[in-house]
Protein backbone atom coordinates (compact mmCIF):
# COMPACT_ATOMS: atom_id res chain seq x y z
CA UNK A 1 20.81 8.66 -4.82
CA UNK A 2 22.34 6.49 -7.53
CA UNK A 3 25.10 5.22 -5.21
CA UNK A 4 22.62 3.92 -2.62
CA UNK A 5 20.67 2.16 -5.36
CA UNK A 6 23.84 0.54 -6.67
CA UNK A 7 24.82 -0.59 -3.17
CA UNK A 8 21.33 -2.03 -2.61
CA UNK A 9 21.45 -3.96 -5.87
CA UNK A 10 24.96 -5.26 -5.13
CA UNK A 11 23.90 -6.30 -1.63
CA UNK A 12 20.82 -8.07 -2.99
CA UNK A 13 22.99 -9.98 -5.50
CA UNK A 14 25.41 -11.00 -2.76
CA UNK A 15 22.63 -12.16 -0.45
CA UNK A 16 21.09 -14.15 -3.31
CA UNK A 17 24.45 -15.78 -4.13
CA UNK A 18 25.02 -16.75 -0.50
CA UNK A 19 21.52 -18.22 -0.32
CA UNK A 20 22.19 -20.32 -3.43
CA UNK A 21 25.57 -21.48 -2.10
CA UNK A 22 23.97 -22.51 1.18
CA UNK A 23 21.00 -24.21 -0.48
CA UNK A 24 23.14 -26.42 -2.69
CA UNK A 25 25.92 -26.95 -0.15
CA UNK A 26 28.59 -25.41 -2.36
CA UNK A 27 30.57 -23.85 0.45
CA UNK A 28 32.16 -25.50 3.47
CA UNK A 29 31.77 -22.30 5.47
CA UNK A 30 29.61 -19.22 5.17
CA UNK A 31 32.81 -17.14 5.44
CA UNK A 32 34.23 -18.66 2.25
CA UNK A 33 31.73 -16.89 0.00
CA UNK A 34 33.44 -13.57 0.56
CA UNK A 35 36.81 -15.02 -0.40
CA UNK A 36 35.33 -16.65 -3.49
CA UNK A 37 33.50 -13.57 -4.70
CA UNK A 38 36.35 -11.13 -4.10
CA UNK A 39 39.39 -13.21 -5.06
CA UNK A 40 38.11 -15.83 -7.52
CA UNK A 41 40.38 -14.83 -10.40
CA UNK A 42 43.41 -14.61 -8.13
CA UNK A 43 42.77 -18.00 -6.50
CA UNK A 44 41.82 -20.08 -9.54
CA UNK A 45 43.66 -20.24 -12.87
CA UNK A 46 41.96 -23.16 -14.56
CA UNK A 47 39.22 -25.69 -13.97
CA UNK A 48 37.34 -25.48 -10.67
CA UNK A 49 35.43 -28.26 -8.92
CA UNK A 50 35.64 -31.21 -6.58
CA UNK A 51 38.90 -33.17 -6.67
CA UNK A 52 37.34 -36.23 -8.33
CA UNK A 53 35.85 -34.07 -11.08
CA UNK A 54 39.18 -32.30 -11.58
CA UNK A 55 40.89 -35.68 -11.87
CA UNK A 56 38.47 -36.75 -14.61
CA UNK A 57 38.88 -33.42 -16.38
CA UNK A 58 42.68 -33.63 -16.32
CA UNK A 59 42.66 -37.21 -17.60
CA UNK A 60 40.31 -36.19 -20.40
CA UNK A 61 42.50 -33.21 -21.35
CA UNK A 62 45.74 -35.20 -20.98
CA UNK A 63 47.06 -32.94 -18.23
CA UNK A 64 49.63 -34.27 -15.78
CA UNK A 65 48.83 -31.89 -12.90
CA UNK A 66 45.55 -30.96 -11.26
CA UNK A 67 45.75 -27.22 -10.71
CA UNK A 68 43.56 -25.55 -8.10
CA UNK A 69 42.96 -28.76 -6.11
CA UNK A 70 44.09 -27.27 -2.79
CA UNK A 71 42.03 -24.10 -3.22
CA UNK A 72 38.98 -26.12 -4.28
CA UNK A 73 39.31 -28.44 -1.29
CA UNK A 74 39.64 -25.50 1.09
CA UNK A 75 36.89 -23.30 -0.30
CA UNK A 76 34.36 -25.67 -1.86
CA UNK A 77 32.39 -28.46 -0.24
């Protein structure tokens, strides 16, 4: 019985996350949420956001390269 409860809670969290992503236009595609939730740590190894925000962040930190820009452009709106 505990396993079905855990699955129900996990499913509810996932549905809620997708609803938030859709409401605020975070994702370019509804399919991207699965990639983001399952592989976030593998895909991103630093700051995450829109390319203009990453540019500002890197300038502020004195970084020469904007890491994660391609992944952010592909997966985020």
